[in-house]
N, C-alpha and C. Protein backbone atom coordinates (compact mmCIF):
# COMPACT_ATOMS: atom_id res chain seq x y z
N MET A 1 -8.96 1.56 19.80
CA MET A 1 -8.13 1.64 18.62
C MET A 1 -6.96 2.58 18.91
N ALA A 2 -5.77 2.25 18.42
CA ALA A 2 -4.58 3.07 18.64
C ALA A 2 -4.75 4.44 18.00
N PRO A 3 -4.11 5.47 18.55
CA PRO A 3 -4.33 6.83 18.07
C PRO A 3 -3.84 7.09 16.65
N ASN A 4 -2.87 6.35 16.14
CA ASN A 4 -2.34 6.63 14.82
C ASN A 4 -2.53 5.48 13.83
N THR A 5 -3.62 4.76 13.91
CA THR A 5 -3.90 3.72 12.95
C THR A 5 -4.32 4.38 11.64
N PRO A 6 -4.21 3.67 10.51
CA PRO A 6 -4.62 4.28 9.24
C PRO A 6 -6.07 4.77 9.24
N VAL A 7 -6.96 4.06 9.92
CA VAL A 7 -8.35 4.49 9.97
C VAL A 7 -8.48 5.83 10.69
N ARG A 8 -7.78 5.97 11.82
CA ARG A 8 -7.81 7.23 12.57
C ARG A 8 -7.21 8.37 11.74
N LEU A 9 -6.14 8.08 11.02
CA LEU A 9 -5.51 9.12 10.21
C LEU A 9 -6.44 9.60 9.11
N ILE A 10 -7.16 8.67 8.49
CA ILE A 10 -8.10 9.05 7.44
C ILE A 10 -9.26 9.84 8.03
N GLU A 11 -9.71 9.45 9.23
CA GLU A 11 -10.77 10.22 9.90
C GLU A 11 -10.31 11.65 10.16
N ARG A 12 -9.06 11.81 10.58
CA ARG A 12 -8.53 13.16 10.83
C ARG A 12 -8.46 13.99 9.55
N LEU A 13 -8.20 13.32 8.43
CA LEU A 13 -8.18 14.04 7.16
C LEU A 13 -9.53 14.67 6.87
N PHE A 14 -10.59 13.93 7.15
CA PHE A 14 -11.92 14.45 6.89
C PHE A 14 -12.23 15.63 7.81
N ARG A 15 -11.66 15.61 9.01
CA ARG A 15 -11.89 16.72 9.92
C ARG A 15 -11.01 17.92 9.60
N SER A 16 -9.92 17.69 8.87
CA SER A 16 -9.02 18.80 8.53
C SER A 16 -9.58 19.56 7.34
N LYS A 17 -8.84 20.51 6.86
CA LYS A 17 -9.27 21.33 5.73
C LYS A 17 -9.02 20.66 4.39
N GLU A 18 -8.31 19.53 4.37
CA GLU A 18 -7.99 18.90 3.10
C GLU A 18 -9.21 18.26 2.45
N ILE A 19 -10.12 17.73 3.25
CA ILE A 19 -11.34 17.14 2.73
C ILE A 19 -12.49 17.74 3.50
N SER A 20 -13.44 18.34 2.78
CA SER A 20 -14.60 18.87 3.47
C SER A 20 -15.86 18.33 2.83
N VAL A 21 -16.83 18.01 3.65
CA VAL A 21 -18.09 17.47 3.18
C VAL A 21 -19.19 18.43 3.59
N ALA A 22 -20.06 18.75 2.65
CA ALA A 22 -21.16 19.68 2.92
C ALA A 22 -22.35 19.28 2.07
N SER A 23 -23.46 19.99 2.23
CA SER A 23 -24.61 19.75 1.36
C SER A 23 -24.90 21.02 0.58
N ASN A 24 -25.34 20.82 -0.67
CA ASN A 24 -25.64 21.98 -1.50
C ASN A 24 -27.09 22.40 -1.32
N GLU A 25 -27.52 23.37 -2.13
CA GLU A 25 -28.88 23.90 -1.96
C GLU A 25 -29.97 22.88 -2.24
N ARG A 26 -29.67 21.83 -2.98
CA ARG A 26 -30.67 20.79 -3.26
C ARG A 26 -30.64 19.67 -2.22
N GLY A 27 -29.77 19.80 -1.19
CA GLY A 27 -29.70 18.80 -0.14
C GLY A 27 -28.79 17.63 -0.47
N GLU A 28 -28.07 17.70 -1.61
CA GLU A 28 -27.16 16.63 -1.96
C GLU A 28 -25.84 16.81 -1.21
N ILE A 29 -25.23 15.70 -0.86
CA ILE A 29 -23.96 15.77 -0.16
C ILE A 29 -22.86 15.98 -1.20
N THR A 30 -22.02 16.97 -0.96
CA THR A 30 -20.90 17.26 -1.85
C THR A 30 -19.63 17.27 -1.02
N SER A 31 -18.51 17.23 -1.69
CA SER A 31 -17.25 17.31 -0.97
C SER A 31 -16.24 18.08 -1.79
N LYS A 32 -15.32 18.70 -1.10
CA LYS A 32 -14.20 19.36 -1.75
C LYS A 32 -12.95 18.63 -1.28
N VAL A 33 -12.18 18.18 -2.25
CA VAL A 33 -10.98 17.44 -1.94
C VAL A 33 -9.82 18.20 -2.55
N SER A 34 -8.79 18.42 -1.74
CA SER A 34 -7.65 19.16 -2.26
C SER A 34 -6.88 18.31 -3.26
N ARG A 35 -6.37 18.97 -4.26
CA ARG A 35 -5.58 18.30 -5.29
C ARG A 35 -4.18 18.88 -5.25
N GLY A 36 -3.20 18.03 -5.11
CA GLY A 36 -1.83 18.46 -5.16
C GLY A 36 -1.40 19.33 -3.99
N LYS A 37 -2.15 19.35 -2.94
CA LYS A 37 -1.82 20.17 -1.78
C LYS A 37 -0.66 19.53 -1.03
N PRO A 38 0.28 20.34 -0.54
CA PRO A 38 1.37 19.75 0.24
C PRO A 38 0.81 18.99 1.44
N GLU A 39 1.41 17.85 1.69
CA GLU A 39 0.92 17.01 2.77
C GLU A 39 1.40 17.53 4.11
N GLY A 40 0.52 17.48 5.07
CA GLY A 40 0.87 17.84 6.43
C GLY A 40 0.04 17.01 7.37
N GLY A 41 0.42 16.99 8.62
CA GLY A 41 -0.36 16.30 9.64
C GLY A 41 -0.46 14.82 9.43
N PRO A 42 -1.66 14.28 9.57
CA PRO A 42 -1.85 12.83 9.53
C PRO A 42 -1.45 12.19 8.21
N LEU A 43 -1.71 12.87 7.09
CA LEU A 43 -1.37 12.28 5.80
C LEU A 43 0.14 12.18 5.62
N ALA A 44 0.87 13.16 6.09
CA ALA A 44 2.33 13.11 6.00
C ALA A 44 2.87 11.98 6.86
N PHE A 45 2.29 11.78 8.04
CA PHE A 45 2.71 10.68 8.90
C PHE A 45 2.41 9.34 8.24
N LEU A 46 1.22 9.20 7.66
CA LEU A 46 0.83 7.97 6.99
C LEU A 46 1.75 7.69 5.81
N ARG A 47 2.09 8.73 5.06
CA ARG A 47 2.98 8.58 3.90
C ARG A 47 4.36 8.11 4.35
N ALA A 48 4.90 8.75 5.37
CA ALA A 48 6.23 8.37 5.87
C ALA A 48 6.23 6.94 6.40
N ALA A 49 5.21 6.59 7.15
CA ALA A 49 5.12 5.23 7.69
C ALA A 49 5.02 4.21 6.56
N ALA A 50 4.22 4.52 5.55
CA ALA A 50 4.04 3.60 4.43
C ALA A 50 5.33 3.43 3.64
N LEU A 51 6.03 4.51 3.42
CA LEU A 51 7.28 4.44 2.65
C LEU A 51 8.34 3.64 3.41
N ILE A 52 8.47 3.90 4.69
CA ILE A 52 9.43 3.14 5.51
C ILE A 52 9.04 1.66 5.54
N ALA A 53 7.75 1.40 5.69
CA ALA A 53 7.27 0.01 5.74
C ALA A 53 7.56 -0.71 4.43
N VAL A 54 7.32 -0.06 3.30
CA VAL A 54 7.54 -0.71 2.01
C VAL A 54 9.01 -1.01 1.80
N LEU A 55 9.87 -0.09 2.15
CA LEU A 55 11.31 -0.33 2.00
C LEU A 55 11.76 -1.48 2.91
N ALA A 56 11.30 -1.46 4.15
CA ALA A 56 11.63 -2.55 5.07
C ALA A 56 11.00 -3.87 4.60
N GLY A 57 9.81 -3.79 4.05
CA GLY A 57 9.13 -4.98 3.54
C GLY A 57 9.86 -5.61 2.38
N ALA A 58 10.40 -4.79 1.50
CA ALA A 58 11.16 -5.32 0.37
C ALA A 58 12.41 -6.03 0.85
N VAL A 59 13.11 -5.42 1.79
CA VAL A 59 14.33 -6.04 2.32
C VAL A 59 13.98 -7.32 3.08
N GLY A 60 12.96 -7.28 3.91
CA GLY A 60 12.55 -8.47 4.65
C GLY A 60 12.07 -9.58 3.74
N SER A 61 11.33 -9.24 2.72
CA SER A 61 10.84 -10.25 1.77
C SER A 61 12.00 -10.92 1.05
N LEU A 62 12.99 -10.12 0.67
CA LEU A 62 14.17 -10.71 0.03
C LEU A 62 14.92 -11.63 0.98
N ALA A 63 15.04 -11.24 2.23
CA ALA A 63 15.71 -12.08 3.22
C ALA A 63 14.97 -13.40 3.38
N PHE A 64 13.65 -13.35 3.47
CA PHE A 64 12.87 -14.58 3.60
C PHE A 64 12.98 -15.44 2.34
N LEU A 65 12.99 -14.79 1.17
CA LEU A 65 13.13 -15.53 -0.09
C LEU A 65 14.48 -16.25 -0.14
N LEU A 66 15.53 -15.55 0.22
CA LEU A 66 16.86 -16.16 0.19
C LEU A 66 16.97 -17.28 1.22
N GLN A 67 16.31 -17.13 2.35
CA GLN A 67 16.28 -18.18 3.37
C GLN A 67 15.54 -19.41 2.84
N ALA A 68 14.39 -19.19 2.23
CA ALA A 68 13.59 -20.32 1.74
C ALA A 68 14.16 -20.94 0.47
N GLY A 69 14.92 -20.16 -0.31
CA GLY A 69 15.42 -20.65 -1.59
C GLY A 69 16.88 -20.98 -1.60
N ARG A 70 17.38 -21.48 -0.49
CA ARG A 70 18.81 -21.80 -0.39
C ARG A 70 19.27 -22.78 -1.46
N ARG A 71 18.43 -23.74 -1.80
CA ARG A 71 18.83 -24.79 -2.75
C ARG A 71 18.27 -24.54 -4.16
N THR A 72 17.77 -23.34 -4.39
CA THR A 72 17.21 -23.01 -5.70
C THR A 72 18.34 -22.63 -6.66
N PRO A 73 18.27 -23.07 -7.92
CA PRO A 73 19.28 -22.67 -8.90
C PRO A 73 19.35 -21.14 -9.03
N ARG A 74 20.55 -20.62 -9.27
CA ARG A 74 20.78 -19.17 -9.28
C ARG A 74 19.86 -18.42 -10.24
N PHE A 75 19.73 -18.90 -11.47
CA PHE A 75 18.91 -18.20 -12.45
C PHE A 75 17.46 -18.11 -11.99
N LEU A 76 16.94 -19.19 -11.48
CA LEU A 76 15.57 -19.21 -10.98
C LEU A 76 15.42 -18.29 -9.76
N LEU A 77 16.43 -18.27 -8.91
CA LEU A 77 16.41 -17.40 -7.74
C LEU A 77 16.40 -15.93 -8.15
N ILE A 78 17.14 -15.57 -9.19
CA ILE A 78 17.13 -14.19 -9.68
C ILE A 78 15.74 -13.81 -10.19
N LEU A 79 15.10 -14.73 -10.89
CA LEU A 79 13.73 -14.46 -11.36
C LEU A 79 12.77 -14.27 -10.19
N PHE A 80 12.91 -15.10 -9.17
CA PHE A 80 12.08 -14.96 -7.97
C PHE A 80 12.34 -13.63 -7.27
N VAL A 81 13.60 -13.21 -7.19
CA VAL A 81 13.93 -11.94 -6.56
C VAL A 81 13.23 -10.80 -7.29
N LEU A 82 13.32 -10.80 -8.61
CA LEU A 82 12.67 -9.73 -9.39
C LEU A 82 11.16 -9.74 -9.19
N TRP A 83 10.57 -10.91 -9.15
CA TRP A 83 9.12 -11.02 -9.00
C TRP A 83 8.67 -10.60 -7.59
N VAL A 84 9.39 -11.02 -6.57
CA VAL A 84 9.02 -10.70 -5.19
C VAL A 84 9.17 -9.20 -4.92
N VAL A 85 10.18 -8.57 -5.49
CA VAL A 85 10.43 -7.14 -5.26
C VAL A 85 9.51 -6.26 -6.10
N SER A 86 8.99 -6.78 -7.19
CA SER A 86 8.22 -5.94 -8.13
C SER A 86 7.03 -5.19 -7.51
N PRO A 87 6.22 -5.78 -6.64
CA PRO A 87 5.13 -4.99 -6.05
C PRO A 87 5.64 -3.82 -5.20
N PHE A 88 6.74 -4.04 -4.50
CA PHE A 88 7.30 -2.98 -3.66
C PHE A 88 7.85 -1.84 -4.52
N VAL A 89 8.49 -2.19 -5.62
CA VAL A 89 9.00 -1.16 -6.55
C VAL A 89 7.83 -0.37 -7.12
N ALA A 90 6.77 -1.06 -7.49
CA ALA A 90 5.60 -0.38 -8.04
C ALA A 90 4.96 0.55 -7.00
N LEU A 91 4.91 0.13 -5.76
CA LEU A 91 4.33 0.97 -4.71
C LEU A 91 5.20 2.20 -4.43
N VAL A 92 6.51 2.04 -4.45
CA VAL A 92 7.39 3.20 -4.27
C VAL A 92 7.22 4.16 -5.44
N TRP A 93 7.15 3.62 -6.66
CA TRP A 93 6.93 4.47 -7.83
C TRP A 93 5.60 5.21 -7.73
N ALA A 94 4.55 4.50 -7.33
CA ALA A 94 3.24 5.15 -7.17
C ALA A 94 3.31 6.24 -6.11
N ASN A 95 4.06 5.99 -5.05
CA ASN A 95 4.24 6.99 -4.00
C ASN A 95 4.90 8.25 -4.58
N LEU A 96 5.87 8.07 -5.46
CA LEU A 96 6.56 9.21 -6.05
C LEU A 96 5.66 10.03 -6.97
N VAL A 97 4.80 9.36 -7.72
CA VAL A 97 3.94 10.10 -8.67
C VAL A 97 2.62 10.53 -8.05
N SER A 98 2.37 10.19 -6.80
CA SER A 98 1.07 10.47 -6.18
C SER A 98 0.93 11.88 -5.63
N LYS A 99 1.95 12.70 -5.74
CA LYS A 99 1.90 14.03 -5.13
C LYS A 99 0.77 14.90 -5.67
N ARG A 100 0.32 14.65 -6.88
CA ARG A 100 -0.76 15.44 -7.47
C ARG A 100 -2.12 14.74 -7.40
N TRP A 101 -2.16 13.58 -6.78
CA TRP A 101 -3.41 12.84 -6.66
C TRP A 101 -4.28 13.47 -5.58
N LEU A 102 -5.56 13.16 -5.64
CA LEU A 102 -6.48 13.61 -4.61
C LEU A 102 -6.13 12.95 -3.27
N VAL A 103 -6.49 13.63 -2.21
CA VAL A 103 -6.10 13.18 -0.87
C VAL A 103 -6.60 11.77 -0.56
N LEU A 104 -7.84 11.48 -0.87
CA LEU A 104 -8.40 10.16 -0.58
C LEU A 104 -7.64 9.07 -1.34
N THR A 105 -7.25 9.34 -2.56
CA THR A 105 -6.49 8.37 -3.35
C THR A 105 -5.12 8.15 -2.73
N ARG A 106 -4.47 9.23 -2.31
CA ARG A 106 -3.16 9.08 -1.67
C ARG A 106 -3.28 8.30 -0.37
N ALA A 107 -4.27 8.61 0.44
CA ALA A 107 -4.46 7.89 1.70
C ALA A 107 -4.71 6.40 1.44
N THR A 108 -5.45 6.10 0.40
CA THR A 108 -5.70 4.71 0.04
C THR A 108 -4.41 4.03 -0.40
N LEU A 109 -3.62 4.72 -1.21
CA LEU A 109 -2.33 4.16 -1.64
C LEU A 109 -1.44 3.86 -0.44
N TYR A 110 -1.36 4.78 0.49
CA TYR A 110 -0.52 4.57 1.66
C TYR A 110 -1.02 3.40 2.50
N SER A 111 -2.33 3.27 2.60
CA SER A 111 -2.91 2.13 3.34
C SER A 111 -2.60 0.82 2.63
N VAL A 112 -2.70 0.80 1.31
CA VAL A 112 -2.37 -0.40 0.54
C VAL A 112 -0.89 -0.75 0.72
N MET A 113 -0.04 0.26 0.77
CA MET A 113 1.39 0.03 0.99
C MET A 113 1.61 -0.70 2.32
N LEU A 114 0.92 -0.26 3.35
CA LEU A 114 1.05 -0.89 4.66
C LEU A 114 0.51 -2.32 4.66
N VAL A 115 -0.65 -2.52 4.06
CA VAL A 115 -1.28 -3.84 4.03
C VAL A 115 -0.42 -4.83 3.25
N VAL A 116 0.06 -4.42 2.07
CA VAL A 116 0.88 -5.31 1.25
C VAL A 116 2.15 -5.70 2.01
N THR A 117 2.76 -4.72 2.65
CA THR A 117 4.00 -5.00 3.37
C THR A 117 3.77 -5.96 4.53
N LEU A 118 2.79 -5.66 5.37
CA LEU A 118 2.55 -6.51 6.54
C LEU A 118 2.13 -7.93 6.14
N ALA A 119 1.25 -8.03 5.15
CA ALA A 119 0.79 -9.35 4.71
C ALA A 119 1.94 -10.15 4.09
N SER A 120 2.73 -9.50 3.25
CA SER A 120 3.85 -10.19 2.60
C SER A 120 4.84 -10.71 3.63
N LEU A 121 5.22 -9.85 4.56
CA LEU A 121 6.19 -10.28 5.57
C LEU A 121 5.65 -11.42 6.43
N ALA A 122 4.38 -11.34 6.79
CA ALA A 122 3.78 -12.40 7.61
C ALA A 122 3.77 -13.74 6.86
N ILE A 123 3.36 -13.69 5.61
CA ILE A 123 3.26 -14.94 4.83
C ILE A 123 4.64 -15.48 4.51
N TYR A 124 5.53 -14.62 4.02
CA TYR A 124 6.89 -15.08 3.70
C TYR A 124 7.61 -15.60 4.94
N GLY A 125 7.42 -14.90 6.05
CA GLY A 125 8.06 -15.32 7.29
C GLY A 125 7.59 -16.69 7.74
N ALA A 126 6.30 -16.92 7.63
CA ALA A 126 5.76 -18.23 8.02
C ALA A 126 6.33 -19.34 7.17
N VAL A 127 6.51 -19.09 5.89
CA VAL A 127 7.04 -20.12 4.99
C VAL A 127 8.54 -20.31 5.21
N ALA A 128 9.28 -19.20 5.28
CA ALA A 128 10.74 -19.28 5.39
C ALA A 128 11.19 -19.85 6.73
N LEU A 129 10.45 -19.58 7.77
CA LEU A 129 10.82 -20.06 9.11
C LEU A 129 10.24 -21.43 9.43
N GLY A 130 9.52 -22.00 8.49
CA GLY A 130 8.98 -23.34 8.67
C GLY A 130 7.72 -23.40 9.50
N LEU A 131 7.06 -22.28 9.74
CA LEU A 131 5.82 -22.28 10.52
C LEU A 131 4.63 -22.75 9.69
N SER A 132 4.79 -22.74 8.39
CA SER A 132 3.74 -23.19 7.48
C SER A 132 4.26 -24.40 6.71
N LYS A 133 3.36 -25.31 6.42
CA LYS A 133 3.77 -26.50 5.67
C LYS A 133 3.65 -26.28 4.17
N ALA A 134 3.31 -25.07 3.77
CA ALA A 134 3.19 -24.76 2.35
C ALA A 134 4.55 -24.83 1.67
N ARG A 135 4.55 -25.24 0.43
CA ARG A 135 5.79 -25.26 -0.34
C ARG A 135 6.15 -23.82 -0.67
N PRO A 136 7.42 -23.45 -0.60
CA PRO A 136 7.83 -22.06 -0.79
C PRO A 136 7.55 -21.49 -2.18
N ALA A 137 7.81 -22.27 -3.22
CA ALA A 137 7.71 -21.72 -4.58
C ALA A 137 6.33 -21.14 -4.89
N PRO A 138 5.23 -21.86 -4.66
CA PRO A 138 3.93 -21.26 -4.96
C PRO A 138 3.64 -20.01 -4.13
N VAL A 139 4.09 -20.00 -2.90
CA VAL A 139 3.85 -18.84 -2.04
C VAL A 139 4.57 -17.62 -2.60
N PHE A 140 5.83 -17.80 -2.99
CA PHE A 140 6.60 -16.67 -3.51
C PHE A 140 6.18 -16.28 -4.92
N LEU A 141 5.35 -17.08 -5.55
CA LEU A 141 4.74 -16.69 -6.83
C LEU A 141 3.39 -15.99 -6.63
N LEU A 142 2.60 -16.50 -5.69
CA LEU A 142 1.23 -16.00 -5.54
C LEU A 142 1.12 -14.71 -4.72
N VAL A 143 1.96 -14.53 -3.72
CA VAL A 143 1.87 -13.31 -2.90
C VAL A 143 2.14 -12.05 -3.73
N PRO A 144 3.19 -12.02 -4.58
CA PRO A 144 3.34 -10.82 -5.41
C PRO A 144 2.17 -10.61 -6.38
N LEU A 145 1.64 -11.71 -6.91
CA LEU A 145 0.48 -11.58 -7.79
C LEU A 145 -0.70 -10.97 -7.04
N ALA A 146 -0.96 -11.45 -5.83
CA ALA A 146 -2.05 -10.90 -5.02
C ALA A 146 -1.78 -9.43 -4.68
N SER A 147 -0.53 -9.09 -4.42
CA SER A 147 -0.18 -7.69 -4.13
C SER A 147 -0.45 -6.80 -5.32
N TRP A 148 -0.05 -7.27 -6.49
CA TRP A 148 -0.32 -6.50 -7.72
C TRP A 148 -1.82 -6.32 -7.94
N LEU A 149 -2.57 -7.40 -7.76
CA LEU A 149 -4.02 -7.31 -7.96
C LEU A 149 -4.67 -6.37 -6.96
N LEU A 150 -4.29 -6.46 -5.71
CA LEU A 150 -4.83 -5.57 -4.69
C LEU A 150 -4.57 -4.12 -5.04
N THR A 151 -3.34 -3.81 -5.41
CA THR A 151 -2.98 -2.44 -5.77
C THR A 151 -3.72 -1.99 -7.02
N ALA A 152 -3.77 -2.86 -8.02
CA ALA A 152 -4.39 -2.50 -9.30
C ALA A 152 -5.91 -2.35 -9.20
N ILE A 153 -6.51 -2.92 -8.18
CA ILE A 153 -7.97 -2.80 -8.02
C ILE A 153 -8.33 -1.68 -7.05
N VAL A 154 -7.70 -1.65 -5.88
CA VAL A 154 -8.11 -0.72 -4.82
C VAL A 154 -7.76 0.73 -5.13
N VAL A 155 -6.55 0.99 -5.59
CA VAL A 155 -6.13 2.38 -5.82
C VAL A 155 -6.94 3.04 -6.94
N PRO A 156 -7.16 2.40 -8.10
CA PRO A 156 -8.00 3.04 -9.11
C PRO A 156 -9.45 3.25 -8.66
N ILE A 157 -9.98 2.34 -7.86
CA ILE A 157 -11.34 2.53 -7.34
C ILE A 157 -11.38 3.75 -6.44
N ALA A 158 -10.38 3.90 -5.59
CA ALA A 158 -10.31 5.09 -4.72
C ALA A 158 -10.17 6.36 -5.55
N ALA A 159 -9.40 6.31 -6.63
CA ALA A 159 -9.26 7.48 -7.51
C ALA A 159 -10.58 7.84 -8.16
N LEU A 160 -11.31 6.83 -8.60
CA LEU A 160 -12.61 7.06 -9.22
C LEU A 160 -13.59 7.68 -8.22
N ILE A 161 -13.62 7.14 -7.02
CA ILE A 161 -14.50 7.67 -5.97
C ILE A 161 -14.09 9.10 -5.61
N SER A 162 -12.81 9.34 -5.51
CA SER A 162 -12.32 10.69 -5.18
C SER A 162 -12.73 11.69 -6.25
N ARG A 163 -12.55 11.31 -7.51
CA ARG A 163 -12.92 12.22 -8.60
C ARG A 163 -14.40 12.52 -8.59
N ARG A 164 -15.22 11.52 -8.34
CA ARG A 164 -16.67 11.74 -8.30
C ARG A 164 -17.06 12.64 -7.15
N GLN A 165 -16.40 12.47 -6.00
CA GLN A 165 -16.71 13.30 -4.84
C GLN A 165 -16.25 14.74 -5.01
N SER A 166 -15.19 14.93 -5.79
CA SER A 166 -14.65 16.28 -5.93
C SER A 166 -15.43 17.13 -6.92
N ARG A 167 -16.34 16.55 -7.65
CA ARG A 167 -17.12 17.31 -8.65
C ARG A 167 -18.17 18.15 -8.00
């Protein structure tokens, strides 16, 4: 596995002082998770990579949309542009408000940012470049929906798990 993959970065977080796991006097496993701590080391790298990826993903997705929608009426194309960009805007907004979130939740958000970006670009690229026989319209409708669902499910679950672990 490459030295700076998201999995490796999250493993390093557990080894750093930001997340510590121990057992209490009753033998139960407990953890201390920093809240609102300035990011450094692996988490800062993951955050920067995710933010750059999301911005590049939004631009790339728009380029693929415009390539695939050359003959689409202008009004419909504007609606598609807003819909395709919406998950990326939401992820950037979440990135901005995540500074006070628990470390595990932030790491999960950054990982989701990377996954959404890579998956979107791969799928849109395949459709726009003609590598897939799928019709463009359903793809450009369903990928943002799947991105929204992934974000809306995974990040809150990570927040819930983080909160339970921090108690």
